[in-house]
Amino acid sequence: EVQLVESGGGLVQPGGSVRLSCVVSGFAVSQNTVTWVRQAPGKGLEWVSIINMIGETSYAQSVKGRATISRDNAKNTVYLQLNSLKSEDTAMYYCAKDGKRGQGTQVTVSS
């Protein structure tokens, strides 16, 4: 059974950083594509970043230059590092595979 468990969110000041983790089971991150998406209050899902099975990455324009997606194959975990956080980064962040998401981790950017 595919499971994804996100963690690492919290309350962060503008300009700060967070490192989100997505621990997966039921598949190997080294052989699959994993996506990060987010949902801000009152808004729809927004695609944030993707890493494919050969390690190629891509980012939404809204986070490009501030985000880094990576993975640890041994830990079967995908990470999303977000720097220079802005209030508009406030959202529930989910990792996903083939449309299946975890429970999410909340990132709130506020002073």
PDB file of N, CA and C in Angstrom:
ATOM      1  N   GLU A   1       0.843  -1.188   0.000  1.00  0.00           N
ATOM      2  CA  GLU A   1       0.000   0.000   0.000  1.00  0.00           C
ATOM      3  C   GLU A   1       0.884   1.246   0.000  1.00  0.00           C
ATOM      4  N   VAL A   2       0.570   2.160  -0.880  1.00  0.00           N
ATOM      5  CA  VAL A   2       1.321   3.411  -0.970  1.00  0.00           C
ATOM      6  C   VAL A   2       0.917   4.334   0.175  1.00  0.00           C
ATOM      7  N   GLN A   3       1.912   4.807   0.901  1.00  0.00           N
ATOM      8  CA  GLN A   3       1.670   5.785   1.966  1.00  0.00           C
ATOM      9  C   GLN A   3       2.718   6.881   1.874  1.00  0.00           C
ATOM     10  N   LEU A   4       2.293   8.097   2.138  1.00  0.00           N
ATOM     11  CA  LEU A   4       3.191   9.248   2.153  1.00  0.00           C
ATOM     12  C   LEU A   4       2.913  10.028   3.441  1.00  0.00           C
ATOM     13  N   VAL A   5       3.948  10.347   4.159  1.00  0.00           N
ATOM     14  CA  VAL A   5       3.801  11.056   5.427  1.00  0.00           C
ATOM     15  C   VAL A   5       4.698  12.284   5.417  1.00  0.00           C
ATOM     16  N   GLU A   6       4.066  13.444   5.428  1.00  0.00           N
ATOM     17  CA  GLU A   6       4.798  14.704   5.406  1.00  0.00           C
ATOM     18  C   GLU A   6       5.047  15.211   6.819  1.00  0.00           C
ATOM     19  N   SER A   7       6.127  15.948   6.971  1.00  0.00           N
ATOM     20  CA  SER A   7       6.445  16.589   8.243  1.00  0.00           C
ATOM     21  C   SER A   7       7.394  17.752   7.991  1.00  0.00           C
ATOM     22  N   GLY A   8       7.625  18.541   9.025  1.00  0.00           N
ATOM     23  CA  GLY A   8       8.607  19.606   8.935  1.00  0.00           C
ATOM     24  C   GLY A   8       8.039  21.009   8.852  1.00  0.00           C
ATOM     25  N   GLY A   9       6.737  21.112   8.743  1.00  0.00           N
ATOM     26  CA  GLY A   9       6.128  22.432   8.672  1.00  0.00           C
ATOM     27  C   GLY A   9       6.118  23.115  10.023  1.00  0.00           C
ATOM     28  N   GLY A  10       5.596  24.327  10.024  1.00  0.00           N
ATOM     29  CA  GLY A  10       5.496  25.085  11.262  1.00  0.00           C
ATOM     30  C   GLY A  10       5.312  26.550  10.994  1.00  0.00           C
ATOM     31  N   LEU A  11       5.457  27.338  12.039  1.00  0.00           N
ATOM     32  CA  LEU A  11       5.358  28.790  11.945  1.00  0.00           C
ATOM     33  C   LEU A  11       6.761  29.343  11.695  1.00  0.00           C
ATOM     34  N   VAL A  12       6.907  30.078  10.627  1.00  0.00           N
ATOM     35  CA  VAL A  12       8.206  30.589  10.229  1.00  0.00           C
ATOM     36  C   VAL A  12       8.082  32.087   9.939  1.00  0.00           C
ATOM     37  N   GLN A  13       9.093  32.829  10.303  1.00  0.00           N
ATOM     38  CA  GLN A  13       9.085  34.267  10.012  1.00  0.00           C
ATOM     39  C   GLN A  13       9.403  34.508   8.538  1.00  0.00           C
ATOM     40  N   PRO A  14       8.896  35.572   7.995  1.00  0.00           N
ATOM     41  CA  PRO A  14       9.259  35.931   6.622  1.00  0.00           C
ATOM     42  C   PRO A  14      10.771  35.983   6.467  1.00  0.00           C
ATOM     43  N   GLY A  15      11.232  35.411   5.370  1.00  0.00           N
ATOM     44  CA  GLY A  15      12.656  35.329   5.126  1.00  0.00           C
ATOM     45  C   GLY A  15      13.300  34.075   5.665  1.00  0.00           C
ATOM     46  N   GLY A  16      12.557  33.326   6.451  1.00  0.00           N
ATOM     47  CA  GLY A  16      13.088  32.109   7.026  1.00  0.00           C
ATOM     48  C   GLY A  16      13.049  30.932   6.064  1.00  0.00           C
ATOM     49  N   SER A  17      13.369  29.759   6.603  1.00  0.00           N
ATOM     50  CA  SER A  17      13.443  28.550   5.781  1.00  0.00           C
ATOM     51  C   SER A  17      12.746  27.388   6.482  1.00  0.00           C
ATOM     52  N   VAL A  18      12.318  26.445   5.673  1.00  0.00           N
ATOM     53  CA  VAL A  18      11.806  25.186   6.197  1.00  0.00           C
ATOM     54  C   VAL A  18      12.310  24.056   5.325  1.00  0.00           C
ATOM     55  N   ARG A  19      12.415  22.907   5.937  1.00  0.00           N
ATOM     56  CA  ARG A  19      12.758  21.703   5.188  1.00  0.00           C
ATOM     57  C   ARG A  19      11.662  20.693   5.451  1.00  0.00           C
ATOM     58  N   LEU A  20      10.886  20.438   4.448  1.00  0.00           N
ATOM     59  CA  LEU A  20       9.782  19.495   4.550  1.00  0.00           C
ATOM     60  C   LEU A  20      10.251  18.106   4.157  1.00  0.00           C
ATOM     61  N   SER A  21       9.743  17.117   4.859  1.00  0.00           N
ATOM     62  CA  SER A  21      10.098  15.733   4.573  1.00  0.00           C
ATOM     63  C   SER A  21       8.857  14.953   4.159  1.00  0.00           C
ATOM     64  N   CYS A  22       9.070  13.995   3.296  1.00  0.00           N
ATOM     65  CA  CYS A  22       7.997  13.105   2.849  1.00  0.00           C
ATOM     66  C   CYS A  22       8.543  11.688   2.904  1.00  0.00           C
ATOM     67  N   VAL A  23       8.170  10.974   3.951  1.00  0.00           N
ATOM     68  CA  VAL A  23       8.583   9.583   4.094  1.00  0.00           C
ATOM     69  C   VAL A  23       7.551   8.706   3.408  1.00  0.00           C
ATOM     70  N   VAL A  24       8.026   7.875   2.504  1.00  0.00           N
ATOM     71  CA  VAL A  24       7.077   7.069   1.741  1.00  0.00           C
ATOM     72  C   VAL A  24       7.261   5.594   2.022  1.00  0.00           C
ATOM     73  N   SER A  25       6.216   4.847   1.805  1.00  0.00           N
ATOM     74  CA  SER A  25       6.261   3.391   1.867  1.00  0.00           C
ATOM     75  C   SER A  25       5.376   2.851   0.755  1.00  0.00           C
ATOM     76  N   GLY A  26       5.676   1.636   0.347  1.00  0.00           N
ATOM     77  CA  GLY A  26       4.894   1.025  -0.715  1.00  0.00           C
ATOM     78  C   GLY A  26       5.493   1.225  -2.099  1.00  0.00           C
ATOM     79  N   PHE A  27       6.514   2.060  -2.190  1.00  0.00           N
ATOM     80  CA  PHE A  27       7.228   2.226  -3.447  1.00  0.00           C
ATOM     81  C   PHE A  27       8.595   2.850  -3.143  1.00  0.00           C
ATOM     82  N   ALA A  28       9.484   2.763  -4.099  1.00  0.00           N
ATOM     83  CA  ALA A  28      10.830   3.299  -3.934  1.00  0.00           C
ATOM     84  C   ALA A  28      10.921   4.664  -4.595  1.00  0.00           C
ATOM     85  N   VAL A  29      11.355   5.664  -3.832  1.00  0.00           N
ATOM     86  CA  VAL A  29      11.461   7.006  -4.400  1.00  0.00           C
ATOM     87  C   VAL A  29      12.494   7.039  -5.524  1.00  0.00           C
ATOM     88  N   SER A  30      13.466   6.139  -5.466  1.00  0.00           N
ATOM     89  CA  SER A  30      14.514   6.113  -6.486  1.00  0.00           C
ATOM     90  C   SER A  30      13.983   5.664  -7.848  1.00  0.00           C
ATOM     91  N   GLN A  31      12.800   5.069  -7.867  1.00  0.00           N
ATOM     92  CA  GLN A  31      12.261   4.523  -9.109  1.00  0.00           C
ATOM     93  C   GLN A  31      10.931   5.153  -9.495  1.00  0.00           C
ATOM     94  N   ASN A  32      10.615   6.257  -8.843  1.00  0.00           N
ATOM     95  CA  ASN A  32       9.324   6.875  -9.093  1.00  0.00           C
ATOM     96  C   ASN A  32       9.419   8.403  -9.088  1.00  0.00           C
ATOM     97  N   THR A  33       8.392   9.008  -9.623  1.00  0.00           N
ATOM     98  CA  THR A  33       8.289  10.453  -9.617  1.00  0.00           C
ATOM     99  C   THR A  33       7.448  10.890  -8.429  1.00  0.00           C
ATOM    100  N   VAL A  34       7.950  11.849  -7.694  1.00  0.00           N
ATOM    101  CA  VAL A  34       7.235  12.386  -6.532  1.00  0.00           C
ATOM    102  C   VAL A  34       7.085  13.893  -6.720  1.00  0.00           C
ATOM    103  N   THR A  35       5.927  14.362  -6.353  1.00  0.00           N
ATOM    104  CA  THR A  35       5.569  15.759  -6.540  1.00  0.00           C
ATOM    105  C   THR A  35       5.247  16.399  -5.191  1.00  0.00           C
ATOM    106  N   TRP A  36       5.582  17.658  -5.062  1.00  0.00           N
ATOM    107  CA  TRP A  36       5.093  18.462  -3.942  1.00  0.00           C
ATOM    108  C   TRP A  36       4.033  19.435  -4.487  1.00  0.00           C
ATOM    109  N   VAL A  37       2.933  19.508  -3.774  1.00  0.00           N
ATOM    110  CA  VAL A  37       1.883  20.467  -4.105  1.00  0.00           C
ATOM    111  C   VAL A  37       1.511  21.186  -2.824  1.00  0.00           C
ATOM    112  N   ARG A  38       0.817  22.295  -2.956  1.00  0.00           N
ATOM    113  CA  ARG A  38       0.389  23.023  -1.767  1.00  0.00           C
ATOM    114  C   ARG A  38      -0.996  23.615  -1.990  1.00  0.00           C
ATOM    115  N   GLN A  39      -1.646  23.894  -0.884  1.00  0.00           N
ATOM    116  CA  GLN A  39      -2.963  24.496  -0.943  1.00  0.00           C
ATOM    117  C   GLN A  39      -3.049  25.593   0.104  1.00  0.00           C
ATOM    118  N   ALA A  40      -3.143  26.808  -0.381  1.00  0.00           N
ATOM    119  CA  ALA A  40      -3.292  27.952   0.505  1.00  0.00           C
ATOM    120  C   ALA A  40      -4.750  28.056   0.947  1.00  0.00           C
ATOM    121  N   PRO A  41      -4.985  28.715   2.065  1.00  0.00           N
ATOM    122  CA  PRO A  41      -6.356  28.845   2.567  1.00  0.00           C
ATOM    123  C   PRO A  41      -7.280  29.446   1.511  1.00  0.00           C
ATOM    124  N   GLY A  42      -8.378  28.747   1.240  1.00  0.00           N
ATOM    125  CA  GLY A  42      -9.371  29.253   0.310  1.00  0.00           C
ATOM    126  C   GLY A  42      -9.001  29.144  -1.149  1.00  0.00           C
ATOM    127  N   LYS A  43      -7.874  28.465  -1.446  1.00  0.00           N
ATOM    128  CA  LYS A  43      -7.425  28.349  -2.829  1.00  0.00           C
ATOM    129  C   LYS A  43      -7.298  26.891  -3.235  1.00  0.00           C
ATOM    130  N   GLY A  44      -7.094  26.680  -4.525  1.00  0.00           N
ATOM    131  CA  GLY A  44      -6.946  25.332  -5.036  1.00  0.00           C
ATOM    132  C   GLY A  44      -5.534  24.823  -4.884  1.00  0.00           C
ATOM    133  N   LEU A  45      -5.341  23.590  -5.291  1.00  0.00           N
ATOM    134  CA  LEU A  45      -4.022  22.989  -5.231  1.00  0.00           C
ATOM    135  C   LEU A  45      -3.083  23.660  -6.231  1.00  0.00           C
ATOM    136  N   GLU A  46      -1.869  23.888  -5.787  1.00  0.00           N
ATOM    137  CA  GLU A  46      -0.842  24.478  -6.642  1.00  0.00           C
ATOM    138  C   GLU A  46       0.346  23.529  -6.703  1.00  0.00           C
ATOM    139  N   TRP A  47       0.753  23.185  -7.898  1.00  0.00           N
ATOM    140  CA  TRP A  47       1.945  22.355  -8.061  1.00  0.00           C
ATOM    141  C   TRP A  47       3.177  23.166  -7.675  1.00  0.00           C
ATOM    142  N   VAL A  48       4.097  22.553  -6.925  1.00  0.00           N
ATOM    143  CA  VAL A  48       5.274  23.254  -6.436  1.00  0.00           C
ATOM    144  C   VAL A  48       6.559  22.729  -7.062  1.00  0.00           C
ATOM    145  N   SER A  49       6.730  21.406  -7.029  1.00  0.00           N
ATOM    146  CA  SER A  49       8.001  20.863  -7.485  1.00  0.00           C
ATOM    147  C   SER A  49       7.844  19.377  -7.786  1.00  0.00           C
ATOM    148  N   ILE A  50       8.806  18.857  -8.543  1.00  0.00           N
ATOM    149  CA  ILE A  50       8.774  17.450  -8.923  1.00  0.00           C
ATOM    150  C   ILE A  50      10.190  16.926  -9.038  1.00  0.00           C
ATOM    151  N   ILE A  51      10.353  15.660  -8.677  1.00  0.00           N
ATOM    152  CA  ILE A  51      11.616  14.969  -8.909  1.00  0.00           C
ATOM    153  C   ILE A  51      11.275  13.632  -9.542  1.00  0.00           C
ATOM    154  N   ASN A  52      11.941  13.332 -10.654  1.00  0.00           N
ATOM    155  CA  ASN A  52      11.608  12.079 -11.328  1.00  0.00           C
ATOM    156  C   ASN A  52      12.598  10.987 -10.981  1.00  0.00           C
ATOM    157  N   MET A  53      12.413   9.835 -11.591  1.00  0.00           N
ATOM    158  CA  MET A  53      13.195   8.673 -11.176  1.00  0.00           C
ATOM    159  C   MET A  53      14.669   8.810 -11.489  1.00  0.00           C
ATOM    160  N   ILE A  54      15.016   9.669 -12.445  1.00  0.00           N
ATOM    161  CA  ILE A  54      16.442   9.834 -12.731  1.00  0.00           C
ATOM    162  C   ILE A  54      16.998  11.100 -12.070  1.00  0.00           C
ATOM    163  N   GLY A  55      16.195  11.683 -11.194  1.00  0.00           N
ATOM    164  CA  GLY A  55      16.682  12.800 -10.403  1.00  0.00           C
ATOM    165  C   GLY A  55      16.515  14.168 -11.019  1.00  0.00           C
ATOM    166  N   GLU A  56      15.844  14.225 -12.141  1.00  0.00           N
ATOM    167  CA  GLU A  56      15.577  15.535 -12.740  1.00  0.00           C
ATOM    168  C   GLU A  56      14.533  16.253 -11.905  1.00  0.00           C
ATOM    169  N   THR A  57      14.700  17.554 -11.782  1.00  0.00           N
ATOM    170  CA  THR A  57      13.804  18.339 -10.942  1.00  0.00           C
ATOM    171  C   THR A  57      13.219  19.514 -11.721  1.00  0.00           C
ATOM    172  N   SER A  58      12.093  19.987 -11.226  1.00  0.00           N
ATOM    173  CA  SER A  58      11.465  21.153 -11.821  1.00  0.00           C
ATOM    174  C   SER A  58      10.694  21.878 -10.725  1.00  0.00           C
ATOM    175  N   TYR A  59      10.516  23.191 -10.934  1.00  0.00           N
ATOM    176  CA  TYR A  59       9.895  24.005  -9.906  1.00  0.00           C
ATOM    177  C   TYR A  59       8.865  24.955 -10.513  1.00  0.00           C
ATOM    178  N   ALA A  60       7.849  25.263  -9.722  1.00  0.00           N
ATOM    179  CA  ALA A  60       6.901  26.292 -10.125  1.00  0.00           C
ATOM    180  C   ALA A  60       7.610  27.634 -10.117  1.00  0.00           C
ATOM    181  N   GLN A  61       7.149  28.519 -10.964  1.00  0.00           N
ATOM    182  CA  GLN A  61       7.767  29.837 -11.039  1.00  0.00           C
ATOM    183  C   GLN A  61       7.701  30.552  -9.699  1.00  0.00           C
ATOM    184  N   SER A  62       6.657  30.284  -8.936  1.00  0.00           N
ATOM    185  CA  SER A  62       6.453  30.968  -7.660  1.00  0.00           C
ATOM    186  C   SER A  62       7.517  30.627  -6.619  1.00  0.00           C
ATOM    187  N   VAL A  63       8.201  29.495  -6.793  1.00  0.00           N
ATOM    188  CA  VAL A  63       9.226  29.094  -5.822  1.00  0.00           C
ATOM    189  C   VAL A  63      10.599  28.925  -6.445  1.00  0.00           C
ATOM    190  N   LYS A  64      10.709  29.072  -7.743  1.00  0.00           N
ATOM    191  CA  LYS A  64      11.985  28.859  -8.426  1.00  0.00           C
ATOM    192  C   LYS A  64      13.047  29.790  -7.855  1.00  0.00           C
ATOM    193  N   GLY A  65      14.193  29.220  -7.570  1.00  0.00           N
ATOM    194  CA  GLY A  65      15.284  29.983  -6.969  1.00  0.00           C
ATOM    195  C   GLY A  65      15.249  29.992  -5.455  1.00  0.00           C
ATOM    196  N   ARG A  66      14.120  29.563  -4.893  1.00  0.00           N
ATOM    197  CA  ARG A  66      13.989  29.517  -3.430  1.00  0.00           C
ATOM    198  C   ARG A  66      13.765  28.099  -2.917  1.00  0.00           C
ATOM    199  N   ALA A  67      13.493  27.180  -3.823  1.00  0.00           N
ATOM    200  CA  ALA A  67      13.156  25.818  -3.428  1.00  0.00           C
ATOM    201  C   ALA A  67      14.147  24.819  -3.984  1.00  0.00           C
ATOM    202  N   THR A  68      14.370  23.763  -3.215  1.00  0.00           N
ATOM    203  CA  THR A  68      15.195  22.652  -3.676  1.00  0.00           C
ATOM    204  C   THR A  68      14.515  21.350  -3.281  1.00  0.00           C
ATOM    205  N   ILE A  69      14.248  20.529  -4.265  1.00  0.00           N
ATOM    206  CA  ILE A  69      13.692  19.204  -3.996  1.00  0.00           C
ATOM    207  C   ILE A  69      14.828  18.193  -4.090  1.00  0.00           C
ATOM    208  N   SER A  70      14.819  17.248  -3.188  1.00  0.00           N
ATOM    209  CA  SER A  70      15.871  16.241  -3.172  1.00  0.00           C
ATOM    210  C   SER A  70      15.304  14.955  -2.587  1.00  0.00           C
ATOM    211  N   ARG A  71      16.120  13.919  -2.597  1.00  0.00           N
ATOM    212  CA  ARG A  71      15.655  12.665  -2.006  1.00  0.00           C
ATOM    213  C   ARG A  71      16.822  11.905  -1.410  1.00  0.00           C
ATOM    214  N   ASP A  72      16.474  11.055  -0.468  1.00  0.00           N
ATOM    215  CA  ASP A  72      17.428  10.147   0.154  1.00  0.00           C
ATOM    216  C   ASP A  72      16.898   8.750  -0.119  1.00  0.00           C
ATOM    217  N   ASN A  73      17.507   8.075  -1.049  1.00  0.00           N
ATOM    218  CA  ASN A  73      17.005   6.759  -1.441  1.00  0.00           C
ATOM    219  C   ASN A  73      17.061   5.758  -0.287  1.00  0.00           C
ATOM    220  N   ALA A  74      18.096   5.859   0.520  1.00  0.00           N
ATOM    221  CA  ALA A  74      18.239   4.917   1.629  1.00  0.00           C
ATOM    222  C   ALA A  74      17.120   5.094   2.662  1.00  0.00           C
ATOM    223  N   LYS A  75      16.669   6.324   2.819  1.00  0.00           N
ATOM    224  CA  LYS A  75      15.593   6.601   3.774  1.00  0.00           C
ATOM    225  C   LYS A  75      14.224   6.607   3.101  1.00  0.00           C
ATOM    226  N   ASN A  76      14.226   6.414   1.782  1.00  0.00           N
ATOM    227  CA  ASN A  76      12.977   6.456   1.015  1.00  0.00           C
ATOM    228  C   ASN A  76      12.180   7.719   1.325  1.00  0.00           C
ATOM    229  N   THR A  77      12.877   8.822   1.285  1.00  0.00           N
ATOM    230  CA  THR A  77      12.313  10.107   1.702  1.00  0.00           C
ATOM    231  C   THR A  77      12.614  11.167   0.645  1.00  0.00           C
ATOM    232  N   VAL A  78      11.632  12.012   0.416  1.00  0.00           N
ATOM    233  CA  VAL A  78      11.807  13.160  -0.471  1.00  0.00           C
ATOM    234  C   VAL A  78      11.702  14.423   0.375  1.00  0.00           C
ATOM    235  N   TYR A  79      12.545  15.391   0.075  1.00  0.00           N
ATOM    236  CA  TYR A  79      12.583  16.628   0.840  1.00  0.00           C
ATOM    237  C   TYR A  79      12.229  17.815  -0.058  1.00  0.00           C
ATOM    238  N   LEU A  80      11.725  18.853   0.599  1.00  0.00           N
ATOM    239  CA  LEU A  80      11.536  20.133  -0.071  1.00  0.00           C
ATOM    240  C   LEU A  80      12.077  21.219   0.850  1.00  0.00           C
ATOM    241  N   GLN A  81      13.151  21.836   0.411  1.00  0.00           N
ATOM    242  CA  GLN A  81      13.742  22.952   1.150  1.00  0.00           C
ATOM    243  C   GLN A  81      13.196  24.241   0.557  1.00  0.00           C
ATOM    244  N   LEU A  82      12.632  25.069   1.399  1.00  0.00           N
ATOM    245  CA  LEU A  82      12.096  26.357   0.953  1.00  0.00           C
ATOM    246  C   LEU A  82      12.795  27.463   1.722  1.00  0.00           C
ATOM    247  N   ASN A  83      13.398  28.392   1.001  1.00  0.00           N
ATOM    248  CA  ASN A  83      14.120  29.504   1.608  1.00  0.00           C
ATOM    249  C   ASN A  83      13.434  30.826   1.279  1.00  0.00           C
ATOM    250  N   SER A  84      13.873  31.858   1.963  1.00  0.00           N
ATOM    251  CA  SER A  84      13.335  33.210   1.722  1.00  0.00           C
ATOM    252  C   SER A  84      11.810  33.190   1.704  1.00  0.00           C
ATOM    253  N   LEU A  85      11.254  32.592   2.736  1.00  0.00           N
ATOM    254  CA  LEU A  85       9.812  32.391   2.756  1.00  0.00           C
ATOM    255  C   LEU A  85       9.053  33.717   2.782  1.00  0.00           C
ATOM    256  N   LYS A  86       7.917  33.706   2.094  1.00  0.00           N
ATOM    257  CA  LYS A  86       7.045  34.861   2.010  1.00  0.00           C
ATOM    258  C   LYS A  86       5.677  34.479   2.569  1.00  0.00           C
ATOM    259  N   SER A  87       4.880  35.478   2.876  1.00  0.00           N
ATOM    260  CA  SER A  87       3.546  35.194   3.414  1.00  0.00           C
ATOM    261  C   SER A  87       2.732  34.357   2.430  1.00  0.00           C
ATOM    262  N   GLU A  88       2.963  34.566   1.153  1.00  0.00           N
ATOM    263  CA  GLU A  88       2.204  33.808   0.153  1.00  0.00           C
ATOM    264  C   GLU A  88       2.618  32.348   0.056  1.00  0.00           C
ATOM    265  N   ASP A  89       3.652  31.952   0.784  1.00  0.00           N
ATOM    266  CA  ASP A  89       4.027  30.535   0.864  1.00  0.00           C
ATOM    267  C   ASP A  89       3.209  29.801   1.924  1.00  0.00           C
ATOM    268  N   THR A  90       2.434  30.532   2.691  1.00  0.00           N
ATOM    269  CA  THR A  90       1.590  29.910   3.699  1.00  0.00           C
ATOM    270  C   THR A  90       0.603  28.964   3.037  1.00  0.00           C
ATOM    271  N   ALA A  91       0.654  27.714   3.428  1.00  0.00           N
ATOM    272  CA  ALA A  91      -0.184  26.701   2.793  1.00  0.00           C
ATOM    273  C   ALA A  91       0.004  25.366   3.491  1.00  0.00           C
ATOM    274  N   MET A  92      -0.879  24.437   3.166  1.00  0.00           N
ATOM    275  CA  MET A  92      -0.672  23.044   3.529  1.00  0.00           C
ATOM    276  C   MET A  92       0.120  22.429   2.386  1.00  0.00           C
ATOM    277  N   TYR A  93       1.202  21.776   2.732  1.00  0.00           N
ATOM    278  CA  TYR A  93       2.077  21.184   1.736  1.00  0.00           C
ATOM    279  C   TYR A  93       1.909  19.658   1.748  1.00  0.00           C
ATOM    280  N   TYR A  94       1.756  19.124   0.558  1.00  0.00           N
ATOM    281  CA  TYR A  94       1.566  17.689   0.388  1.00  0.00           C
ATOM    282  C   TYR A  94       2.600  17.132  -0.578  1.00  0.00           C
ATOM    283  N   CYS A  95       3.051  15.922  -0.300  1.00  0.00           N
ATOM    284  CA  CYS A  95       3.778  15.195  -1.330  1.00  0.00           C
ATOM    285  C   CYS A  95       2.797  14.210  -1.962  1.00  0.00           C
ATOM    286  N   ALA A  96       3.055  13.864  -3.205  1.00  0.00           N
ATOM    287  CA  ALA A  96       2.082  13.052  -3.921  1.00  0.00           C
ATOM    288  C   ALA A  96       2.754  12.154  -4.942  1.00  0.00           C
ATOM    289  N   LYS A  97       2.111  11.039  -5.174  1.00  0.00           N
ATOM    290  CA  LYS A  97       2.533  10.119  -6.229  1.00  0.00           C
ATOM    291  C   LYS A  97       1.273   9.603  -6.904  1.00  0.00           C
ATOM    292  N   ASP A  98       1.211   9.806  -8.189  1.00  0.00           N
ATOM    293  CA  ASP A  98       0.064   9.333  -8.977  1.00  0.00           C
ATOM    294  C   ASP A  98      -1.262   9.761  -8.370  1.00  0.00           C
ATOM    295  N   GLY A  99      -1.300  10.984  -7.900  1.00  0.00           N
ATOM    296  CA  GLY A  99      -2.535  11.536  -7.378  1.00  0.00           C
ATOM    297  C   GLY A  99      -2.829  11.224  -5.931  1.00  0.00           C
ATOM    298  N   LYS A 100      -2.028  10.374  -5.328  1.00  0.00           N
ATOM    299  CA  LYS A 100      -2.249  10.045  -3.917  1.00  0.00           C
ATOM    300  C   LYS A 100      -1.372  10.958  -3.073  1.00  0.00           C
ATOM    301  N   ARG A 101      -1.988  11.578  -2.058  1.00  0.00           N
ATOM    302  CA  ARG A 101      -1.276  12.503  -1.197  1.00  0.00           C
ATOM    303  C   ARG A 101      -1.255  12.014   0.235  1.00  0.00           C
ATOM    304  N   GLY A 102      -0.329  12.564   0.997  1.00  0.00           N
ATOM    305  CA  GLY A 102      -0.329  12.318   2.423  1.00  0.00           C
ATOM    306  C   GLY A 102      -1.297  13.259   3.122  1.00  0.00           C
ATOM    307  N   GLN A 103      -1.150  13.358   4.425  1.00  0.00           N
ATOM    308  CA  GLN A 103      -2.049  14.196   5.215  1.00  0.00           C
ATOM    309  C   GLN A 103      -1.627  15.668   5.180  1.00  0.00           C
ATOM    310  N   GLY A 104      -0.421  15.901   4.743  1.00  0.00           N
ATOM    311  CA  GLY A 104       0.065  17.267   4.606  1.00  0.00           C
ATOM    312  C   GLY A 104       0.768  17.791   5.842  1.00  0.00           C
ATOM    313  N   THR A 105       1.525  18.861   5.649  1.00  0.00           N
ATOM    314  CA  THR A 105       2.183  19.557   6.745  1.00  0.00           C
ATOM    315  C   THR A 105       1.992  21.054   6.515  1.00  0.00           C
ATOM    316  N   GLN A 106       1.575  21.745   7.554  1.00  0.00           N
ATOM    317  CA  GLN A 106       1.221  23.157   7.435  1.00  0.00           C
ATOM    318  C   GLN A 106       2.455  24.034   7.579  1.00  0.00           C
ATOM    319  N   VAL A 107       2.609  24.946   6.642  1.00  0.00           N
ATOM    320  CA  VAL A 107       3.640  25.980   6.726  1.00  0.00           C
ATOM    321  C   VAL A 107       2.928  27.319   6.831  1.00  0.00           C
ATOM    322  N   THR A 108       3.217  28.040   7.881  1.00  0.00           N
ATOM    323  CA  THR A 108       2.634  29.369   8.083  1.00  0.00           C
ATOM    324  C   THR A 108       3.768  30.374   8.185  1.00  0.00           C
ATOM    325  N   VAL A 109       3.751  31.337   7.296  1.00  0.00           N
ATOM    326  CA  VAL A 109       4.795  32.358   7.273  1.00  0.00           C
ATOM    327  C   VAL A 109       4.200  33.648   7.825  1.00  0.00           C
ATOM    328  N   SER A 110       4.686  34.028   8.985  1.00  0.00           N
ATOM    329  CA  SER A 110       4.136  35.203   9.645  1.00  0.00           C
ATOM    330  C   SER A 110       5.119  35.718  10.683  1.00  0.00           C
ATOM    331  N   SER A 111       5.098  37.019  10.877  1.00  0.00           N
ATOM    332  CA  SER A 111       5.937  37.610  11.917  1.00  0.00           C
ATOM    333  C   SER A 111       5.150  37.742  13.215  1.00  0.00           C
TER     334      SER A 111
END
